[in-house]
Amino acid sequence: MSLKSGLASFFLLQFESLSSSTSTATVARRCSFGHLRPVPPSKRAYTCAATPSPQSAEKSNGVLLVVVGGGAAGVYGAIRAKSLAPHLNVLVVEKGKLLSKVKISGGGRCNVTNGHCPDTKILAEHYPRGHRELRGSFFNTHGPGDTMSWFTDHGVALKIEEDGRVFPITNNSSSIVDCLLSEARERGVCLQTGKTVTSVSAGVQGKFILKVEKRSVEFLEYLEADYLLIASGGSRQGYELAVQLGHSIVDGVPSLFTFKIKDPLLSELSGVTFLKVEASLILESDKKNIPHLTQLGPMLVTHWGLSGPVILRLSAWGARDLFRAGYKALLMVDFVPDLHIEDMKSILSRQKQKFAKQKVLNSCPSEFGIVKRFWKYMLDREGLNCDTLWASVSNNSLNSVAYLLKHCAFEVVGKGQYKDEFVTAGGVPLSEISLKTMESKMRPNLFFAGEVLNVDGVTGGFNFQNAWSGGYIAGTTIGELAAKAVC
């Protein structure tokens, strides 16, 4: 569809009331060669979930908030803005499915937030990008406790697991998705899917002109918004819109991914878990073999390498350095971090005396807390024949086994082969927005929330909490501005 130059600022989003026999009370208008025309019911650009009253529609005077992105931050922010300013027209535009990450997160259970960080300064330490900036008002305004209270008040019972992760009692992410969508519809938030905001420019009186397209069919629409909230996650779409409005972008790189390990024997251990290891990452550029990062926590062996919370945290904190290194590094793992190496040598000596006539494979010291399959892997790496009797194992070999368990090296040769990264490190710099309002410092009435910002957290509910907090603060600011404008 062509567009005459110079007419973009005249394309307005207008709302019309339909008769009571029509299920939808608001329609959008499309542009065709510079002219506005109503859309027939069968070809409406979007539908609104609730019918605004004539008094409300008149009072709003067509004031519109467009939210780019139907994820956690976008929907949560839309609900908050609408709750504070019921007269405000709120439209969420999502190119895919609404709340898609919420749906699949936590293995389909949705790790809503983390319940073990009441102190906001401690909470901020779980964000590799943002740990300095988020120590202030951000989580004080809307933290994990506020998030849990919101969902509980809206009928979703939650539970806090031992590691602090918070899930709905149903263990089903649909409880969270349904709650958010139900509240959005009840408030009158318009939800539009399958379309993309491809560009944005400044309109008259500080408004925003948005170009909306749909790839599956020929579709072009221009919307004029009074407020704009970009909450499009780590997609290029949000970055491009931010740049068009004068913002800079920290290039995005993957975060929260598993490690591909070069070790053919390791694949035979797929499924083996460790409740607690200490893992240290040494980049190839670290010539002195000084650990770049160290984390403590559970670990899992996969078909292609290593995963689990401790690996994901290493990948998050080392995301940019690993990207620059081509995902080549040395991983050092201490499989028994609670035991000193001298204690381990003593344990192995006692094991030798007690089980002198048994095969070394058949009696792994219980104090080490490792399964037989992994014990065999350790013996193989040390070059010990598994059929050797304990009595025949030299003290030097015992010391070598103890050292290997404390300093086991793995060669990292890449990310997990299934592109399983869930978060992007990068986006709009936090220095370019106000964390008290989530408003751009460069353009009034422009807001950001969620992963589109250069903020990302480690696994455990922290990324969603960033989305809830940012969406809530942005929605609060927009709602208050809209409410004040009609007073």
Protein backbone atom coordinates (compact mmCIF):
# COMPACT_ATOMS: atom_id res chain seq x y z
CA MET A 1 0.00 0.00 0.00
CA SER A 2 1.45 3.41 -1.00
CA LEU A 3 1.36 6.53 1.11
CA LYS A 4 1.58 10.14 -0.04
CA SER A 5 4.50 11.93 1.52
CA GLY A 6 3.79 14.45 4.24
CA LEU A 7 0.49 12.89 5.30
CA ALA A 8 1.72 10.61 8.10
CA SER A 9 0.89 13.05 10.86
CA PHE A 10 -2.75 13.15 9.75
CA PHE A 11 -3.44 9.46 10.25
CA LEU A 12 -5.21 9.19 13.58
CA LEU A 13 -6.51 6.26 15.54
CA GLN A 14 -10.18 6.99 16.17
CA PHE A 15 -12.62 5.07 18.32
CA GLU A 16 -16.29 4.65 17.43
CA SER A 17 -19.12 3.25 19.53
CA LEU A 18 -21.12 0.52 17.84
CA SER A 19 -24.66 -0.53 18.59
CA SER A 20 -25.42 -2.76 21.57
CA SER A 21 -25.97 -5.68 19.22
CA THR A 22 -22.28 -5.63 18.30
CA SER A 23 -19.89 -7.48 20.63
CA THR A 24 -17.09 -4.96 20.06
CA ALA A 25 -17.46 -1.30 20.91
CA THR A 26 -14.25 0.06 19.45
CA VAL A 27 -12.83 -0.16 15.95
CA ALA A 28 -9.65 1.13 14.40
CA ARG A 29 -9.53 2.92 11.10
CA ARG A 30 -7.15 2.06 8.30
CA CYS A 31 -5.50 4.45 5.88
CA SER A 32 -5.70 4.14 2.13
CA PHE A 33 -3.76 6.58 -0.03
CA GLY A 34 -3.99 9.31 2.56
CA HIS A 35 -7.68 8.90 3.39
CA LEU A 36 -9.33 7.53 6.52
CA ARG A 37 -12.23 5.18 6.23
CA PRO A 38 -14.12 2.95 8.69
CA VAL A 39 -13.28 -0.73 8.73
CA PRO A 40 -16.20 -3.15 8.23
CA PRO A 41 -16.80 -5.53 11.16
CA SER A 42 -15.26 -8.43 9.22
CA LYS A 43 -11.99 -6.54 8.66
CA ARG A 44 -11.42 -4.71 11.91
CA ALA A 45 -7.84 -3.87 12.73
CA TYR A 46 -8.31 -4.85 16.34
CA THR A 47 -11.01 -5.46 18.86
CA CYS A 48 -11.46 -4.14 22.34
CA ALA A 49 -12.33 -6.52 25.14
CA ALA A 50 -14.68 -4.20 26.97
CA THR A 51 -17.05 -1.44 26.02
CA PRO A 52 -16.20 2.03 27.36
CA SER A 53 -19.13 4.09 28.52
CA PRO A 54 -20.16 7.10 26.39
CA GLN A 55 -19.16 9.38 29.26
CA SER A 56 -15.75 7.73 29.50
CA ALA A 57 -15.17 7.89 25.75
CA GLU A 58 -16.13 11.55 25.66
CA LYS A 59 -13.89 12.38 28.61
CA SER A 60 -10.89 10.56 27.09
CA ASN A 61 -11.04 12.67 23.94
CA GLY A 62 -9.31 9.81 22.10
CA VAL A 63 -6.25 9.76 24.39
CA LEU A 64 -4.32 6.61 23.53
CA LEU A 65 -1.53 4.53 25.06
CA VAL A 66 0.06 2.05 22.67
CA VAL A 67 2.07 -0.77 24.26
CA VAL A 68 4.50 -2.45 21.86
CA GLY A 69 4.85 -6.02 23.11
CA GLY A 70 2.38 -8.37 24.73
CA GLY A 71 4.74 -10.00 27.19
CA ALA A 72 4.85 -9.79 30.97
CA ALA A 73 6.02 -6.16 31.15
CA GLY A 74 3.67 -4.91 28.44
CA VAL A 75 0.47 -6.55 29.67
CA TYR A 76 1.22 -5.78 33.33
CA GLY A 77 1.94 -2.15 32.47
CA ALA A 78 -1.20 -1.86 30.35
CA ILE A 79 -3.35 -3.19 33.19
CA ARG A 80 -1.80 -0.78 35.68
CA ALA A 81 -2.25 2.27 33.43
CA LYS A 82 -5.86 1.38 32.70
CA SER A 83 -6.64 0.81 36.37
CA LEU A 84 -5.46 4.33 37.25
CA ALA A 85 -7.03 6.02 34.22
CA PRO A 86 -10.14 4.07 33.14
CA HIS A 87 -10.88 6.68 30.47
CA LEU A 88 -7.51 6.05 28.79
CA ASN A 89 -7.63 3.98 25.58
CA VAL A 90 -4.97 1.27 25.91
CA LEU A 91 -3.86 -0.86 22.97
CA VAL A 92 -1.32 -3.70 23.21
CA VAL A 93 0.25 -4.69 19.88
CA GLU A 94 2.01 -8.08 19.82
CA LYS A 95 3.47 -9.69 16.70
CA GLY A 96 3.27 -13.23 18.10
CA LYS A 97 1.23 -14.80 20.89
CA LEU A 98 0.41 -12.89 24.04
CA LEU A 99 2.51 -13.81 27.08
CA SER A 100 4.35 -16.54 25.15
CA LYS A 101 7.42 -16.53 27.44
CA VAL A 102 5.21 -16.61 30.51
CA LYS A 103 3.51 -19.67 29.06
CA ILE A 104 6.69 -21.72 28.54
CA SER A 105 8.80 -20.47 31.45
CA GLY A 106 9.77 -22.70 34.33
CA GLY A 107 9.10 -25.83 32.31
CA GLY A 108 5.52 -24.72 31.80
CA ARG A 109 5.01 -23.83 35.47
CA CYS A 110 6.04 -20.13 35.26
CA ASN A 111 8.64 -19.02 37.77
CA VAL A 112 6.77 -15.82 38.71
CA THR A 113 9.43 -14.22 40.91
CA ASN A 114 11.83 -15.04 43.74
CA GLY A 115 10.67 -15.07 47.34
CA HIS A 116 14.02 -15.17 49.13
CA CYS A 117 15.20 -11.60 48.49
CA PRO A 118 13.26 -9.14 50.67
CA ASP A 119 16.25 -6.79 50.76
CA THR A 120 16.27 -4.80 47.52
CA LYS A 121 20.05 -4.42 47.54
CA ILE A 122 20.49 -8.19 47.72
CA LEU A 123 17.82 -8.58 45.06
CA ALA A 124 19.69 -6.23 42.72
CA GLU A 125 22.82 -8.40 42.98
CA HIS A 126 21.04 -11.05 40.89
CA TYR A 127 21.17 -8.84 37.77
CA PRO A 128 24.44 -9.00 35.80
CA ARG A 129 23.27 -5.95 33.85
CA GLY A 130 21.54 -3.57 36.24
CA HIS A 131 22.87 -4.61 39.64
CA ARG A 132 24.11 -1.10 40.39
CA GLU A 133 21.17 0.89 39.06
CA LEU A 134 18.42 -1.32 40.52
CA ARG A 135 19.54 -0.79 44.11
CA GLY A 136 17.47 2.39 44.36
CA SER A 137 13.74 2.99 44.01
CA PHE A 138 13.02 0.35 41.35
CA PHE A 139 12.25 -2.67 43.54
CA ASN A 140 11.15 -0.51 46.48
CA THR A 141 8.29 0.72 44.31
CA HIS A 142 7.19 -2.75 43.24
CA GLY A 143 9.21 -5.74 44.45
CA PRO A 144 8.68 -9.50 44.69
CA GLY A 145 6.32 -9.14 47.65
CA ASP A 146 4.15 -6.72 45.70
CA THR A 147 4.09 -9.06 42.71
CA MET A 148 3.04 -12.01 44.84
CA SER A 149 0.35 -9.92 46.54
CA TRP A 150 -1.00 -8.78 43.16
CA PHE A 151 -1.45 -12.30 41.83
CA THR A 152 -2.83 -13.55 45.15
CA ASP A 153 -5.35 -10.70 45.22
CA HIS A 154 -6.39 -11.65 41.71
CA GLY A 155 -7.11 -15.26 42.61
CA VAL A 156 -3.80 -17.02 41.88
CA ALA A 157 -2.46 -18.94 44.88
CA LEU A 158 1.35 -19.09 44.94
CA LYS A 159 4.02 -21.17 46.65
CA ILE A 160 7.67 -20.50 47.45
CA GLU A 161 9.96 -23.47 46.87
CA GLU A 162 13.13 -24.18 48.86
CA ASP A 163 15.40 -22.34 46.45
CA GLY A 164 13.21 -19.24 46.54
CA ARG A 165 11.47 -19.71 43.20
CA VAL A 166 7.79 -18.78 43.23
CA PHE A 167 5.22 -20.79 41.25
CA PRO A 168 1.44 -20.96 41.10
CA ILE A 169 0.15 -23.78 43.31
CA THR A 170 -1.37 -25.33 40.19
CA ASN A 171 2.16 -25.80 38.75
CA ASN A 172 0.67 -24.54 35.51
CA SER A 173 1.68 -21.30 33.80
CA SER A 174 -1.86 -20.99 32.42
CA SER A 175 -2.91 -19.79 35.86
CA ILE A 176 -0.69 -16.72 35.40
CA VAL A 177 -1.52 -16.19 31.72
CA ASP A 178 -5.27 -16.51 32.25
CA CYS A 179 -5.17 -14.16 35.23
CA LEU A 180 -3.36 -11.41 33.29
CA LEU A 181 -5.49 -11.70 30.16
CA SER A 182 -8.71 -11.83 32.17
CA GLU A 183 -7.75 -8.70 34.09
CA ALA A 184 -6.71 -6.91 30.88
CA ARG A 185 -10.01 -7.70 29.19
CA GLU A 186 -12.03 -6.77 32.25
CA ARG A 187 -10.26 -3.41 32.44
CA GLY A 188 -10.91 -2.75 28.76
CA VAL A 189 -7.38 -3.13 27.42
CA CYS A 190 -7.40 -3.76 23.66
CA LEU A 191 -5.23 -6.73 22.65
CA GLN A 192 -4.02 -6.93 19.07
CA THR A 193 -1.88 -9.84 17.85
CA GLY A 194 -0.26 -10.86 14.59
CA LYS A 195 0.92 -7.35 13.74
CA THR A 196 4.18 -5.46 14.10
CA VAL A 197 4.96 -1.84 14.79
CA THR A 198 7.63 -1.34 12.14
CA SER A 199 8.43 2.36 12.61
CA VAL A 200 7.68 5.35 14.78
CA SER A 201 8.06 9.07 14.27
CA ALA A 202 7.19 12.28 16.08
CA GLY A 203 3.73 13.65 15.44
CA VAL A 204 2.22 17.01 16.29
CA GLN A 205 2.06 18.16 19.91
CA GLY A 206 4.54 15.54 21.06
CA LYS A 207 2.49 12.56 19.91
CA PHE A 208 3.80 9.40 18.23
CA ILE A 209 2.91 8.17 14.74
CA LEU A 210 3.21 4.39 14.59
CA LYS A 211 3.33 2.34 11.41
CA VAL A 212 1.72 -1.08 11.89
CA GLU A 213 2.06 -3.92 9.40
CA LYS A 214 0.96 -7.52 9.13
CA ARG A 215 3.18 -9.91 7.19
CA SER A 216 0.64 -12.62 6.44
CA VAL A 217 -1.64 -10.28 4.46
CA GLU A 218 -1.34 -6.87 2.85
CA PHE A 219 -2.00 -4.55 5.74
CA LEU A 220 -0.83 -1.06 6.62
CA GLU A 221 -2.11 1.11 9.41
CA TYR A 222 -0.96 4.34 11.05
CA LEU A 223 -1.80 5.03 14.66
CA GLU A 224 -1.33 8.24 16.60
CA ALA A 225 -0.53 7.67 20.27
CA ASP A 226 -0.29 10.09 23.16
CA TYR A 227 1.80 7.67 25.22
CA LEU A 228 4.09 4.90 24.02
CA LEU A 229 5.39 2.01 26.11
CA ILE A 230 7.99 -0.18 24.39
CA ALA A 231 8.06 -3.57 26.10
CA SER A 232 9.04 -5.79 23.19
CA GLY A 233 11.62 -7.94 24.96
CA GLY A 234 15.01 -8.60 23.43
CA SER A 235 13.76 -8.36 19.84
CA ARG A 236 15.30 -6.19 17.15
CA GLN A 237 11.89 -4.56 16.70
CA GLY A 238 12.04 -2.73 20.02
CA TYR A 239 15.67 -1.74 19.50
CA GLU A 240 14.88 -0.18 16.11
CA LEU A 241 11.95 1.80 17.51
CA ALA A 242 14.12 3.08 20.34
CA VAL A 243 16.82 4.22 17.90
CA GLN A 244 14.22 5.98 15.72
CA LEU A 245 13.24 8.01 18.79
CA GLY A 246 16.81 9.02 19.59
CA HIS A 247 17.99 6.30 21.95
CA SER A 248 21.19 4.28 21.71
CA ILE A 249 21.37 0.49 22.01
CA VAL A 250 23.83 -1.80 23.74
CA ASP A 251 24.14 -4.67 21.26
CA GLY A 252 22.29 -7.75 22.45
CA VAL A 253 24.05 -11.04 23.12
CA PRO A 254 22.61 -14.33 24.48
CA SER A 255 22.42 -14.89 28.22
CA LEU A 256 21.28 -17.84 30.36
CA PHE A 257 22.49 -20.68 28.15
CA THR A 258 24.06 -24.10 28.65
CA PHE A 259 27.66 -25.01 27.86
CA LYS A 260 28.68 -27.33 25.06
CA ILE A 261 31.59 -29.44 26.37
CA LYS A 262 34.27 -31.21 24.35
CA ASP A 263 34.32 -34.60 26.06
CA PRO A 264 32.83 -37.70 24.35
CA LEU A 265 32.71 -39.61 27.66
CA LEU A 266 30.57 -36.95 29.31
CA SER A 267 27.59 -37.58 27.04
CA GLU A 268 27.24 -41.05 28.59
CA LEU A 269 26.40 -39.33 31.89
CA SER A 270 23.40 -37.43 30.52
CA GLY A 271 20.85 -36.92 33.28
CA VAL A 272 23.32 -37.09 36.17
CA THR A 273 22.72 -34.23 38.62
CA PHE A 274 24.79 -32.64 41.36
CA LEU A 275 23.05 -30.80 44.18
CA LYS A 276 25.99 -28.50 44.82
CA VAL A 277 29.18 -27.78 42.90
CA GLU A 278 31.49 -24.80 42.66
CA ALA A 279 32.16 -23.88 39.05
CA SER A 280 34.72 -21.36 37.82
CA LEU A 281 35.05 -19.98 34.31
CA ILE A 282 38.46 -19.23 32.83
CA LEU A 283 38.44 -17.48 29.47
CA GLU A 284 41.07 -18.30 26.85
CA SER A 285 42.26 -14.69 27.09
CA ASP A 286 43.12 -15.25 30.78
CA LYS A 287 46.69 -16.40 30.19
CA LYS A 288 47.38 -16.77 33.93
CA ASN A 289 44.42 -19.17 34.33
CA ILE A 290 42.79 -16.86 36.86
CA PRO A 291 39.08 -17.69 37.29
CA HIS A 292 36.99 -15.05 35.56
CA LEU A 293 33.78 -15.97 37.40
CA THR A 294 32.81 -18.43 40.14
CA GLN A 295 29.35 -19.67 41.07
CA LEU A 296 27.95 -22.20 43.53
CA GLY A 297 24.85 -24.34 42.98
CA PRO A 298 23.24 -27.38 41.30
CA MET A 299 24.53 -28.72 37.98
CA LEU A 300 23.17 -31.13 35.37
CA VAL A 301 24.92 -33.23 32.72
CA THR A 302 23.21 -33.11 29.30
CA HIS A 303 23.73 -34.89 25.98
CA TRP A 304 25.86 -32.00 24.75
CA GLY A 305 27.50 -30.73 27.92
CA LEU A 306 26.58 -29.07 31.20
CA SER A 307 23.54 -27.16 32.41
CA GLY A 308 21.71 -26.35 35.64
CA PRO A 309 21.51 -23.17 37.75
CA VAL A 310 25.26 -22.86 38.35
CA ILE A 311 26.01 -22.99 34.60
CA LEU A 312 23.19 -20.61 33.71
CA ARG A 313 24.44 -18.09 36.26
CA LEU A 314 27.96 -18.32 34.85
CA SER A 315 26.60 -17.75 31.35
CA ALA A 316 24.64 -14.71 32.54
CA TRP A 317 27.50 -13.00 34.33
CA GLY A 318 29.95 -13.93 31.58
CA ALA A 319 27.58 -13.33 28.64
CA ARG A 320 29.54 -10.54 26.98
CA ASP A 321 32.99 -11.96 27.69
CA LEU A 322 31.95 -15.38 26.39
CA PHE A 323 30.48 -13.78 23.27
CA ARG A 324 33.77 -11.96 22.60
CA ALA A 325 35.69 -15.20 23.21
CA GLY A 326 33.57 -17.11 20.70
CA TYR A 327 32.19 -19.21 23.56
CA LYS A 328 35.59 -20.80 24.14
CA ALA A 329 36.62 -21.20 27.77
CA LEU A 330 37.87 -23.56 30.45
CA LEU A 331 35.43 -24.62 33.15
CA MET A 332 36.83 -25.77 36.48
CA VAL A 333 34.41 -27.70 38.70
CA ASP A 334 34.74 -28.62 42.36
CA PHE A 335 32.32 -31.52 42.87
CA VAL A 336 32.72 -31.58 46.67
CA PRO A 337 32.97 -27.87 47.65
CA ASP A 338 32.12 -28.55 51.30
CA LEU A 339 35.21 -30.74 51.83
CA HIS A 340 38.83 -29.62 51.97
CA ILE A 341 41.18 -31.64 49.79
CA GLU A 342 43.10 -32.94 52.81
CA ASP A 343 39.83 -34.27 54.24
CA MET A 344 39.13 -35.98 50.93
CA LYS A 345 42.52 -37.68 50.97
CA SER A 346 41.81 -38.98 54.47
CA ILE A 347 38.40 -40.28 53.37
CA LEU A 348 39.96 -42.13 50.44
CA SER A 349 42.65 -43.64 52.69
CA ARG A 350 40.01 -44.96 55.09
CA GLN A 351 38.03 -46.31 52.13
CA LYS A 352 41.12 -48.20 50.97
CA GLN A 353 41.62 -49.77 54.37
CA LYS A 354 37.96 -50.66 54.90
CA PHE A 355 37.29 -52.12 51.44
CA ALA A 356 40.75 -53.44 50.59
CA LYS A 357 39.40 -56.57 48.86
CA GLN A 358 36.63 -54.83 46.89
CA LYS A 359 36.84 -53.37 43.42
CA VAL A 360 37.40 -49.64 43.51
CA LEU A 361 34.34 -49.07 41.26
CA ASN A 362 31.94 -50.80 43.64
CA SER A 363 32.55 -48.68 46.74
CA CYS A 364 32.65 -44.94 46.18
CA PRO A 365 32.96 -42.97 49.44
CA SER A 366 29.46 -41.87 50.45
CA GLU A 367 30.85 -38.59 51.79
CA PHE A 368 31.43 -37.42 48.22
CA GLY A 369 27.73 -37.62 47.35
CA ILE A 370 28.26 -38.73 43.74
CA VAL A 371 26.57 -41.54 41.82
CA LYS A 372 28.34 -44.68 40.61
CA ARG A 373 28.22 -43.63 36.94
CA PHE A 374 30.10 -40.44 37.69
CA TRP A 375 32.55 -42.23 40.01
CA LYS A 376 33.43 -44.47 37.06
CA TYR A 377 33.91 -41.39 34.89
CA MET A 378 36.35 -39.96 37.45
CA LEU A 379 38.30 -43.22 37.65
CA ASP A 380 38.47 -43.43 33.85
CA ARG A 381 39.76 -39.87 33.60
CA GLU A 382 42.42 -40.65 36.17
CA GLY A 383 43.41 -43.79 34.29
CA LEU A 384 42.46 -46.21 37.08
CA ASN A 385 41.13 -49.62 36.05
CA CYS A 386 37.69 -49.95 37.60
CA ASP A 387 38.34 -53.64 38.39
CA THR A 388 41.39 -52.79 40.48
CA LEU A 389 41.08 -53.70 44.15
CA TRP A 390 41.31 -50.89 46.68
CA ALA A 391 44.34 -52.55 48.23
CA SER A 392 46.23 -52.13 44.95
CA VAL A 393 45.56 -48.40 44.57
CA SER A 394 48.63 -46.33 45.36
CA ASN A 395 48.51 -43.33 47.66
CA ASN A 396 49.56 -41.13 44.75
CA SER A 397 46.55 -42.31 42.77
CA LEU A 398 44.29 -41.59 45.75
CA ASN A 399 45.66 -38.06 45.94
CA SER A 400 45.17 -37.61 42.21
CA VAL A 401 41.52 -38.69 42.45
CA ALA A 402 40.97 -36.24 45.30
CA TYR A 403 42.56 -33.43 43.29
CA LEU A 404 40.48 -34.25 40.20
CA LEU A 405 37.24 -34.12 42.17
CA LYS A 406 38.24 -30.67 43.47
CA HIS A 407 39.70 -29.34 40.19
CA CYS A 408 37.98 -31.07 37.29
CA ALA A 409 38.57 -29.22 34.01
CA PHE A 410 36.14 -29.15 31.07
CA GLU A 411 36.70 -27.50 27.71
CA VAL A 412 33.80 -25.23 26.75
CA VAL A 413 33.50 -25.09 22.96
CA GLY A 414 30.16 -23.34 22.51
CA LYS A 415 26.62 -22.71 23.67
CA GLY A 416 23.99 -25.42 23.99
CA GLN A 417 23.13 -26.80 20.58
CA TYR A 418 19.40 -26.12 20.84
CA LYS A 419 19.59 -22.30 21.05
CA ASP A 420 18.04 -22.55 24.49
CA GLU A 421 19.03 -19.09 25.69
CA PHE A 422 16.00 -17.46 27.26
CA VAL A 423 17.25 -13.94 27.87
CA THR A 424 19.17 -11.30 25.92
CA ALA A 425 21.85 -9.13 27.51
CA GLY A 426 21.64 -5.71 25.88
CA GLY A 427 19.12 -3.04 24.94
CA VAL A 428 18.38 0.56 25.85
CA PRO A 429 20.95 1.81 28.40
CA LEU A 430 19.50 2.47 31.84
CA SER A 431 21.26 5.82 31.85
CA GLU A 432 18.80 6.99 29.17
CA ILE A 433 15.65 6.45 31.25
CA SER A 434 14.42 7.38 34.71
CA LEU A 435 13.99 4.25 36.84
CA LYS A 436 11.55 6.16 39.07
CA THR A 437 9.10 6.56 36.18
CA MET A 438 10.50 4.34 33.36
CA GLU A 439 10.18 7.41 31.13
CA SER A 440 12.73 8.30 28.48
CA LYS A 441 15.06 11.15 29.38
CA MET A 442 15.11 12.09 25.70
CA ARG A 443 11.44 12.19 24.78
CA PRO A 444 8.41 12.89 27.01
CA ASN A 445 5.64 10.28 27.19
CA LEU A 446 7.94 7.53 25.89
CA PHE A 447 8.44 4.62 28.28
CA PHE A 448 10.38 1.35 28.38
CA ALA A 449 9.99 -1.79 30.49
CA GLY A 450 11.31 -5.33 30.57
CA GLU A 451 14.00 -6.97 28.52
CA VAL A 452 14.14 -4.19 25.91
CA LEU A 453 16.29 -2.41 28.49
CA ASN A 454 19.89 -3.37 29.19
CA VAL A 455 18.80 -5.39 32.23
CA ASP A 456 18.90 -9.14 32.66
CA GLY A 457 18.84 -11.40 35.68
CA VAL A 458 20.04 -14.85 36.57
CA THR A 459 17.68 -17.80 36.65
CA GLY A 460 15.23 -18.05 39.52
CA GLY A 461 12.39 -15.62 38.72
CA PHE A 462 14.52 -12.49 38.55
CA ASN A 463 13.89 -11.70 34.88
CA PHE A 464 10.14 -11.79 35.35
CA GLN A 465 10.47 -9.58 38.41
CA ASN A 466 12.26 -7.01 36.26
CA ALA A 467 9.30 -7.15 33.89
CA TRP A 468 6.66 -6.83 36.65
CA SER A 469 8.50 -3.95 38.34
CA GLY A 470 9.22 -2.02 35.15
CA GLY A 471 5.73 -2.56 33.75
CA TYR A 472 4.10 -1.50 37.00
CA ILE A 473 6.18 1.69 37.34
CA ALA A 474 5.65 2.66 33.68
CA GLY A 475 1.92 1.93 33.92
CA THR A 476 1.65 3.94 37.12
CA THR A 477 3.36 6.96 35.59
CA ILE A 478 1.28 6.84 32.41
CA GLY A 479 -1.95 6.31 34.34
CA GLU A 480 -1.26 9.24 36.64
CA LEU A 481 -0.33 11.51 33.74
CA ALA A 482 -3.48 10.57 31.84
CA ALA A 483 -5.66 11.02 34.92
CA LYS A 484 -4.15 14.43 35.64
CA ALA A 485 -4.64 15.55 32.04
CA VAL A 486 -8.46 15.27 32.27
CA CYS A 487 -8.83 16.83 35.69
